[in-house]
Amino acid sequence: TINIIREERPGYDQLVERMKQHGGYIVCGDKYMRSAQFRELIKDLPQPKLALNCTGGETVTEMSRLLAPGGTLVTYGGMARRPVT
């Protein structure tokens, strides 16, 4: 799994470690997801077929760009309080 969380959230570092302990293969912040380093990190992985979004805002646009053709993006929340763009 690739897990993307908001970098500005309280307890970010602790949450990254907890998610890794529970099997998160890649756990990173939303700003890192937009970087060239992130693209390099995932370049040899199969493109994701499913994205789950509970935040909304610009992050969901970036997530959709990572999906394999025919992939599915499910939005079930809006914690950012910004529209899905």
PDB file of N, CA and C in Angstrom:
ATOM      1  N   THR A   1       0.834  -1.184   0.000  1.00  0.00           N
ATOM      2  CA  THR A   1       0.000   0.000   0.000  1.00  0.00           C
ATOM      3  C   THR A   1       0.877   1.245   0.000  1.00  0.00           C
ATOM      4  N   ILE A   2       0.379   2.274  -0.616  1.00  0.00           N
ATOM      5  CA  ILE A   2       0.979   3.605  -0.559  1.00  0.00           C
ATOM      6  C   ILE A   2       0.019   4.450   0.268  1.00  0.00           C
ATOM      7  N   ASN A   3       0.500   4.966   1.373  1.00  0.00           N
ATOM      8  CA  ASN A   3      -0.334   5.705   2.317  1.00  0.00           C
ATOM      9  C   ASN A   3       0.112   7.157   2.345  1.00  0.00           C
ATOM     10  N   ILE A   4      -0.791   8.058   2.052  1.00  0.00           N
ATOM     11  CA  ILE A   4      -0.484   9.477   1.983  1.00  0.00           C
ATOM     12  C   ILE A   4      -1.270  10.179   3.081  1.00  0.00           C
ATOM     13  N   ILE A   5      -0.552  10.888   3.939  1.00  0.00           N
ATOM     14  CA  ILE A   5      -1.196  11.586   5.038  1.00  0.00           C
ATOM     15  C   ILE A   5      -0.786  13.058   5.020  1.00  0.00           C
ATOM     16  N   ARG A   6      -1.585  13.881   5.647  1.00  0.00           N
ATOM     17  CA  ARG A   6      -1.288  15.315   5.704  1.00  0.00           C
ATOM     18  C   ARG A   6      -0.063  15.557   6.582  1.00  0.00           C
ATOM     19  N   GLU A   7       0.897  16.272   6.049  1.00  0.00           N
ATOM     20  CA  GLU A   7       2.139  16.526   6.777  1.00  0.00           C
ATOM     21  C   GLU A   7       1.948  17.468   7.958  1.00  0.00           C
ATOM     22  N   GLU A   8       0.938  18.341   7.889  1.00  0.00           N
ATOM     23  CA  GLU A   8       0.753  19.320   8.966  1.00  0.00           C
ATOM     24  C   GLU A   8      -0.059  18.791  10.139  1.00  0.00           C
ATOM     25  N   ARG A   9      -0.498  17.542  10.068  1.00  0.00           N
ATOM     26  CA  ARG A   9      -1.313  16.993  11.152  1.00  0.00           C
ATOM     27  C   ARG A   9      -0.470  16.775  12.411  1.00  0.00           C
ATOM     28  N   PRO A  10      -1.049  16.949  13.581  1.00  0.00           N
ATOM     29  CA  PRO A  10      -0.320  16.678  14.828  1.00  0.00           C
ATOM     30  C   PRO A  10       0.074  15.203  14.902  1.00  0.00           C
ATOM     31  N   GLY A  11       1.257  14.919  15.397  1.00  0.00           N
ATOM     32  CA  GLY A  11       1.704  13.541  15.560  1.00  0.00           C
ATOM     33  C   GLY A  11       2.076  12.849  14.269  1.00  0.00           C
ATOM     34  N   TYR A  12       2.465  13.617  13.257  1.00  0.00           N
ATOM     35  CA  TYR A  12       2.772  13.059  11.930  1.00  0.00           C
ATOM     36  C   TYR A  12       3.798  11.923  12.005  1.00  0.00           C
ATOM     37  N   ASP A  13       4.933  12.165  12.653  1.00  0.00           N
ATOM     38  CA  ASP A  13       5.998  11.152  12.694  1.00  0.00           C
ATOM     39  C   ASP A  13       5.544   9.867  13.388  1.00  0.00           C
ATOM     40  N   GLN A  14       4.811  10.020  14.471  1.00  0.00           N
ATOM     41  CA  GLN A  14       4.310   8.840  15.183  1.00  0.00           C
ATOM     42  C   GLN A  14       3.316   8.057  14.320  1.00  0.00           C
ATOM     43  N   LEU A  15       2.484   8.770  13.576  1.00  0.00           N
ATOM     44  CA  LEU A  15       1.513   8.103  12.714  1.00  0.00           C
ATOM     45  C   LEU A  15       2.205   7.349  11.578  1.00  0.00           C
ATOM     46  N   VAL A  16       3.250   7.942  11.005  1.00  0.00           N
ATOM     47  CA  VAL A  16       4.013   7.250   9.956  1.00  0.00           C
ATOM     48  C   VAL A  16       4.527   5.922  10.496  1.00  0.00           C
ATOM     49  N   GLU A  17       5.140   5.941  11.651  1.00  0.00           N
ATOM     50  CA  GLU A  17       5.695   4.713  12.225  1.00  0.00           C
ATOM     51  C   GLU A  17       4.604   3.694  12.548  1.00  0.00           C
ATOM     52  N   ARG A  18       3.488   4.165  13.077  1.00  0.00           N
ATOM     53  CA  ARG A  18       2.385   3.246  13.406  1.00  0.00           C
ATOM     54  C   ARG A  18       1.838   2.583  12.149  1.00  0.00           C
ATOM     55  N   MET A  19       1.675   3.372  11.083  1.00  0.00           N
ATOM     56  CA  MET A  19       1.149   2.806   9.840  1.00  0.00           C
ATOM     57  C   MET A  19       2.114   1.787   9.251  1.00  0.00           C
ATOM     58  N   LYS A  20       3.408   2.033   9.360  1.00  0.00           N
ATOM     59  CA  LYS A  20       4.401   1.070   8.876  1.00  0.00           C
ATOM     60  C   LYS A  20       4.348  -0.212   9.700  1.00  0.00           C
ATOM     61  N   GLN A  21       4.152  -0.094  10.998  1.00  0.00           N
ATOM     62  CA  GLN A  21       4.041  -1.270  11.859  1.00  0.00           C
ATOM     63  C   GLN A  21       2.835  -2.123  11.487  1.00  0.00           C
ATOM     64  N   HIS A  22       1.800  -1.482  10.935  1.00  0.00           N
ATOM     65  CA  HIS A  22       0.585  -2.199  10.549  1.00  0.00           C
ATOM     66  C   HIS A  22       0.604  -2.610   9.079  1.00  0.00           C
ATOM     67  N   GLY A  23       1.761  -2.497   8.435  1.00  0.00           N
ATOM     68  CA  GLY A  23       1.883  -3.021   7.076  1.00  0.00           C
ATOM     69  C   GLY A  23       1.908  -1.996   5.965  1.00  0.00           C
ATOM     70  N   GLY A  24       1.933  -0.717   6.286  1.00  0.00           N
ATOM     71  CA  GLY A  24       2.034   0.295   5.236  1.00  0.00           C
ATOM     72  C   GLY A  24       3.385   0.179   4.540  1.00  0.00           C
ATOM     73  N   TYR A  25       3.390  -0.106   3.267  1.00  0.00           N
ATOM     74  CA  TYR A  25       4.635  -0.285   2.522  1.00  0.00           C
ATOM     75  C   TYR A  25       5.335   1.051   2.331  1.00  0.00           C
ATOM     76  N   ILE A  26       4.597   2.043   1.847  1.00  0.00           N
ATOM     77  CA  ILE A  26       5.095   3.411   1.715  1.00  0.00           C
ATOM     78  C   ILE A  26       4.135   4.304   2.488  1.00  0.00           C
ATOM     79  N   VAL A  27       4.671   5.112   3.390  1.00  0.00           N
ATOM     80  CA  VAL A  27       3.877   6.076   4.141  1.00  0.00           C
ATOM     81  C   VAL A  27       4.588   7.417   4.002  1.00  0.00           C
ATOM     82  N   CYS A  28       3.888   8.392   3.435  1.00  0.00           N
ATOM     83  CA  CYS A  28       4.530   9.687   3.215  1.00  0.00           C
ATOM     84  C   CYS A  28       3.511  10.818   3.311  1.00  0.00           C
ATOM     85  N   GLY A  29       4.020  12.022   3.335  1.00  0.00           N
ATOM     86  CA  GLY A  29       3.182  13.204   3.414  1.00  0.00           C
ATOM     87  C   GLY A  29       2.666  13.635   2.056  1.00  0.00           C
ATOM     88  N   ASP A  30       1.600  14.426   2.088  1.00  0.00           N
ATOM     89  CA  ASP A  30       0.975  14.882   0.854  1.00  0.00           C
ATOM     90  C   ASP A  30       1.891  15.779   0.033  1.00  0.00           C
ATOM     91  N   LYS A  31       2.726  16.567   0.665  1.00  0.00           N
ATOM     92  CA  LYS A  31       3.654  17.411  -0.095  1.00  0.00           C
ATOM     93  C   LYS A  31       4.743  16.574  -0.751  1.00  0.00           C
ATOM     94  N   TYR A  32       5.226  15.560  -0.064  1.00  0.00           N
ATOM     95  CA  TYR A  32       6.237  14.665  -0.630  1.00  0.00           C
ATOM     96  C   TYR A  32       5.682  13.925  -1.846  1.00  0.00           C
ATOM     97  N   MET A  33       4.395  13.604  -1.815  1.00  0.00           N
ATOM     98  CA  MET A  33       3.769  12.893  -2.926  1.00  0.00           C
ATOM     99  C   MET A  33       3.888  13.678  -4.232  1.00  0.00           C
ATOM    100  N   ARG A  34       4.017  14.982  -4.151  1.00  0.00           N
ATOM    101  CA  ARG A  34       4.104  15.826  -5.340  1.00  0.00           C
ATOM    102  C   ARG A  34       5.542  16.005  -5.831  1.00  0.00           C
ATOM    103  N   SER A  35       6.497  15.365  -5.190  1.00  0.00           N
ATOM    104  CA  SER A  35       7.912  15.597  -5.503  1.00  0.00           C
ATOM    105  C   SER A  35       8.466  14.596  -6.516  1.00  0.00           C
ATOM    106  N   ALA A  36       9.574  14.985  -7.126  1.00  0.00           N
ATOM    107  CA  ALA A  36      10.283  14.090  -8.050  1.00  0.00           C
ATOM    108  C   ALA A  36      10.827  12.876  -7.297  1.00  0.00           C
ATOM    109  N   GLN A  37      11.195  13.055  -6.039  1.00  0.00           N
ATOM    110  CA  GLN A  37      11.708  11.936  -5.239  1.00  0.00           C
ATOM    111  C   GLN A  37      10.640  10.860  -5.051  1.00  0.00           C
ATOM    112  N   PHE A  38       9.402  11.281  -4.865  1.00  0.00           N
ATOM    113  CA  PHE A  38       8.317  10.313  -4.720  1.00  0.00           C
ATOM    114  C   PHE A  38       8.113   9.545  -6.025  1.00  0.00           C
ATOM    115  N   ARG A  39       8.113  10.245  -7.140  1.00  0.00           N
ATOM    116  CA  ARG A  39       7.965   9.585  -8.451  1.00  0.00           C
ATOM    117  C   ARG A  39       9.073   8.552  -8.659  1.00  0.00           C
ATOM    118  N   GLU A  40      10.278   8.904  -8.247  1.00  0.00           N
ATOM    119  CA  GLU A  40      11.412   7.970  -8.358  1.00  0.00           C
ATOM    120  C   GLU A  40      11.187   6.751  -7.463  1.00  0.00           C
ATOM    121  N   LEU A  41      10.676   6.983  -6.263  1.00  0.00           N
ATOM    122  CA  LEU A  41      10.432   5.915  -5.295  1.00  0.00           C
ATOM    123  C   LEU A  41       9.448   4.873  -5.828  1.00  0.00           C
ATOM    124  N   ILE A  42       8.409   5.328  -6.535  1.00  0.00           N
ATOM    125  CA  ILE A  42       7.357   4.399  -6.964  1.00  0.00           C
ATOM    126  C   ILE A  42       7.478   3.947  -8.420  1.00  0.00           C
ATOM    127  N   LYS A  43       8.486   4.410  -9.129  1.00  0.00           N
ATOM    128  CA  LYS A  43       8.551   4.153 -10.570  1.00  0.00           C
ATOM    129  C   LYS A  43       8.571   2.674 -10.943  1.00  0.00           C
ATOM    130  N   ASP A  44       9.123   1.819 -10.108  1.00  0.00           N
ATOM    131  CA  ASP A  44       9.201   0.392 -10.429  1.00  0.00           C
ATOM    132  C   ASP A  44       8.046  -0.419  -9.857  1.00  0.00           C
ATOM    133  N   LEU A  45       7.132   0.239  -9.172  1.00  0.00           N
ATOM    134  CA  LEU A  45       5.959  -0.443  -8.613  1.00  0.00           C
ATOM    135  C   LEU A  45       4.828  -0.459  -9.631  1.00  0.00           C
ATOM    136  N   PRO A  46       3.956  -1.456  -9.555  1.00  0.00           N
ATOM    137  CA  PRO A  46       2.764  -1.409 -10.414  1.00  0.00           C
ATOM    138  C   PRO A  46       1.923  -0.192 -10.043  1.00  0.00           C
ATOM    139  N   GLN A  47       1.273   0.406 -11.037  1.00  0.00           N
ATOM    140  CA  GLN A  47       0.399   1.543 -10.750  1.00  0.00           C
ATOM    141  C   GLN A  47      -0.768   1.085  -9.889  1.00  0.00           C
ATOM    142  N   PRO A  48      -1.147   1.882  -8.906  1.00  0.00           N
ATOM    143  CA  PRO A  48      -2.280   1.509  -8.052  1.00  0.00           C
ATOM    144  C   PRO A  48      -3.577   1.395  -8.852  1.00  0.00           C
ATOM    145  N   LYS A  49      -4.421   0.469  -8.431  1.00  0.00           N
ATOM    146  CA  LYS A  49      -5.727   0.278  -9.068  1.00  0.00           C
ATOM    147  C   LYS A  49      -6.852   0.871  -8.246  1.00  0.00           C
ATOM    148  N   LEU A  50      -6.556   1.214  -6.990  1.00  0.00           N
ATOM    149  CA  LEU A  50      -7.573   1.750  -6.090  1.00  0.00           C
ATOM    150  C   LEU A  50      -6.957   2.847  -5.246  1.00  0.00           C
ATOM    151  N   ALA A  51      -7.661   3.960  -5.126  1.00  0.00           N
ATOM    152  CA  ALA A  51      -7.255   5.053  -4.236  1.00  0.00           C
ATOM    153  C   ALA A  51      -8.445   5.388  -3.349  1.00  0.00           C
ATOM    154  N   LEU A  52      -8.184   5.515  -2.060  1.00  0.00           N
ATOM    155  CA  LEU A  52      -9.211   5.889  -1.093  1.00  0.00           C
ATOM    156  C   LEU A  52      -8.870   7.270  -0.560  1.00  0.00           C
ATOM    157  N   ASN A  53      -9.796   8.189  -0.673  1.00  0.00           N
ATOM    158  CA  ASN A  53      -9.565   9.583  -0.304  1.00  0.00           C
ATOM    159  C   ASN A  53     -10.543  10.011   0.776  1.00  0.00           C
ATOM    160  N   CYS A  54     -10.006  10.434   1.915  1.00  0.00           N
ATOM    161  CA  CYS A  54     -10.881  10.963   2.959  1.00  0.00           C
ATOM    162  C   CYS A  54     -10.608  12.437   3.216  1.00  0.00           C
ATOM    163  N   THR A  55      -9.738  13.049   2.424  1.00  0.00           N
ATOM    164  CA  THR A  55      -9.334  14.428   2.674  1.00  0.00           C
ATOM    165  C   THR A  55      -9.934  15.419   1.703  1.00  0.00           C
ATOM    166  N   GLY A  56      -9.887  15.116   0.417  1.00  0.00           N
ATOM    167  CA  GLY A  56     -10.361  16.056  -0.599  1.00  0.00           C
ATOM    168  C   GLY A  56      -9.273  17.031  -0.980  1.00  0.00           C
ATOM    169  N   GLY A  57      -9.644  18.123  -1.615  1.00  0.00           N
ATOM    170  CA  GLY A  57      -8.681  19.136  -2.014  1.00  0.00           C
ATOM    171  C   GLY A  57      -7.754  18.673  -3.125  1.00  0.00           C
ATOM    172  N   GLU A  58      -6.596  19.318  -3.208  1.00  0.00           N
ATOM    173  CA  GLU A  58      -5.649  19.067  -4.289  1.00  0.00           C
ATOM    174  C   GLU A  58      -5.028  17.671  -4.239  1.00  0.00           C
ATOM    175  N   THR A  59      -4.927  17.091  -3.058  1.00  0.00           N
ATOM    176  CA  THR A  59      -4.298  15.779  -2.924  1.00  0.00           C
ATOM    177  C   THR A  59      -5.004  14.731  -3.758  1.00  0.00           C
ATOM    178  N   VAL A  60      -6.315  14.811  -3.842  1.00  0.00           N
ATOM    179  CA  VAL A  60      -7.063  13.813  -4.602  1.00  0.00           C
ATOM    180  C   VAL A  60      -6.732  13.888  -6.099  1.00  0.00           C
ATOM    181  N   THR A  61      -6.443  15.068  -6.595  1.00  0.00           N
ATOM    182  CA  THR A  61      -6.045  15.206  -7.999  1.00  0.00           C
ATOM    183  C   THR A  61      -4.734  14.475  -8.241  1.00  0.00           C
ATOM    184  N   GLU A  62      -3.791  14.660  -7.337  1.00  0.00           N
ATOM    185  CA  GLU A  62      -2.501  13.980  -7.472  1.00  0.00           C
ATOM    186  C   GLU A  62      -2.665  12.468  -7.357  1.00  0.00           C
ATOM    187  N   MET A  63      -3.530  12.032  -6.463  1.00  0.00           N
ATOM    188  CA  MET A  63      -3.769  10.597  -6.319  1.00  0.00           C
ATOM    189  C   MET A  63      -4.333  10.014  -7.608  1.00  0.00           C
ATOM    190  N   SER A  64      -5.248  10.722  -8.225  1.00  0.00           N
ATOM    191  CA  SER A  64      -5.863  10.205  -9.445  1.00  0.00           C
ATOM    192  C   SER A  64      -4.837  10.082 -10.568  1.00  0.00           C
ATOM    193  N   ARG A  65      -3.852  10.940 -10.584  1.00  0.00           N
ATOM    194  CA  ARG A  65      -2.803  10.869 -11.611  1.00  0.00           C
ATOM    195  C   ARG A  65      -1.913   9.644 -11.454  1.00  0.00           C
ATOM    196  N   LEU A  66      -1.874   9.075 -10.273  1.00  0.00           N
ATOM    197  CA  LEU A  66      -1.050   7.898 -10.020  1.00  0.00           C
ATOM    198  C   LEU A  66      -1.743   6.597 -10.398  1.00  0.00           C
ATOM    199  N   LEU A  67      -3.056   6.628 -10.539  1.00  0.00           N
ATOM    200  CA  LEU A  67      -3.823   5.402 -10.778  1.00  0.00           C
ATOM    201  C   LEU A  67      -3.536   4.777 -12.140  1.00  0.00           C
ATOM    202  N   ALA A  68      -3.615   3.469 -12.174  1.00  0.00           N
ATOM    203  CA  ALA A  68      -3.514   2.731 -13.433  1.00  0.00           C
ATOM    204  C   ALA A  68      -4.735   3.056 -14.290  1.00  0.00           C
ATOM    205  N   PRO A  69      -4.619   2.919 -15.601  1.00  0.00           N
ATOM    206  CA  PRO A  69      -5.805   3.100 -16.454  1.00  0.00           C
ATOM    207  C   PRO A  69      -6.937   2.193 -15.980  1.00  0.00           C
ATOM    208  N   GLY A  70      -8.125   2.757 -15.878  1.00  0.00           N
ATOM    209  CA  GLY A  70      -9.281   2.001 -15.391  1.00  0.00           C
ATOM    210  C   GLY A  70      -9.337   1.892 -13.880  1.00  0.00           C
ATOM    211  N   GLY A  71      -8.402   2.553 -13.171  1.00  0.00           N
ATOM    212  CA  GLY A  71      -8.382   2.503 -11.710  1.00  0.00           C
ATOM    213  C   GLY A  71      -9.588   3.225 -11.123  1.00  0.00           C
ATOM    214  N   THR A  72      -9.806   3.006  -9.840  1.00  0.00           N
ATOM    215  CA  THR A  72     -10.959   3.568  -9.148  1.00  0.00           C
ATOM    216  C   THR A  72     -10.496   4.462  -8.005  1.00  0.00           C
ATOM    217  N   LEU A  73     -11.106   5.637  -7.904  1.00  0.00           N
ATOM    218  CA  LEU A  73     -10.850   6.547  -6.797  1.00  0.00           C
ATOM    219  C   LEU A  73     -12.151   6.735  -6.039  1.00  0.00           C
ATOM    220  N   VAL A  74     -12.117   6.446  -4.744  1.00  0.00           N
ATOM    221  CA  VAL A  74     -13.299   6.564  -3.893  1.00  0.00           C
ATOM    222  C   VAL A  74     -13.065   7.680  -2.889  1.00  0.00           C
ATOM    223  N   THR A  75     -13.943   8.679  -2.883  1.00  0.00           N
ATOM    224  CA  THR A  75     -13.894   9.743  -1.895  1.00  0.00           C
ATOM    225  C   THR A  75     -14.993   9.484  -0.875  1.00  0.00           C
ATOM    226  N   TYR A  76     -14.610   9.433   0.395  1.00  0.00           N
ATOM    227  CA  TYR A  76     -15.579   9.159   1.449  1.00  0.00           C
ATOM    228  C   TYR A  76     -15.511  10.164   2.592  1.00  0.00           C
ATOM    229  N   GLY A  77     -14.806  11.254   2.388  1.00  0.00           N
ATOM    230  CA  GLY A  77     -14.718  12.272   3.422  1.00  0.00           C
ATOM    231  C   GLY A  77     -14.169  13.559   2.843  1.00  0.00           C
ATOM    232  N   GLY A  78     -14.125  14.586   3.662  1.00  0.00           N
ATOM    233  CA  GLY A  78     -13.641  15.880   3.214  1.00  0.00           C
ATOM    234  C   GLY A  78     -12.936  16.629   4.332  1.00  0.00           C
ATOM    235  N   MET A  79     -11.975  15.995   4.963  1.00  0.00           N
ATOM    236  CA  MET A  79     -11.290  16.584   6.108  1.00  0.00           C
ATOM    237  C   MET A  79     -10.594  17.912   5.784  1.00  0.00           C
ATOM    238  N   ALA A  80     -10.189  18.108   4.526  1.00  0.00           N
ATOM    239  CA  ALA A  80      -9.531  19.362   4.150  1.00  0.00           C
ATOM    240  C   ALA A  80     -10.513  20.511   4.085  1.00  0.00           C
ATOM    241  N   ARG A  81     -11.787  20.169   4.002  1.00  0.00           N
ATOM    242  CA  ARG A  81     -12.850  21.178   3.853  1.00  0.00           C
ATOM    243  C   ARG A  81     -12.649  22.021   2.612  1.00  0.00           C
ATOM    244  N   ARG A  82     -12.070  21.369   1.594  1.00  0.00           N
ATOM    245  CA  ARG A  82     -11.904  21.977   0.282  1.00  0.00           C
ATOM    246  C   ARG A  82     -12.513  21.025  -0.744  1.00  0.00           C
ATOM    247  N   PRO A  83     -12.996  21.545  -1.837  1.00  0.00           N
ATOM    248  CA  PRO A  83     -13.626  20.666  -2.830  1.00  0.00           C
ATOM    249  C   PRO A  83     -12.626  19.704  -3.464  1.00  0.00           C
ATOM    250  N   VAL A  84     -13.145  18.585  -3.909  1.00  0.00           N
ATOM    251  CA  VAL A  84     -12.350  17.655  -4.702  1.00  0.00           C
ATOM    252  C   VAL A  84     -12.170  18.302  -6.058  1.00  0.00           C
ATOM    253  N   THR A  85     -10.917  18.511  -6.449  1.00  0.00           N
ATOM    254  CA  THR A  85     -10.652  19.183  -7.725  1.00  0.00           C
ATOM    255  C   THR A  85     -10.145  18.206  -8.761  1.00  0.00           C
TER     256      THR A  85
END
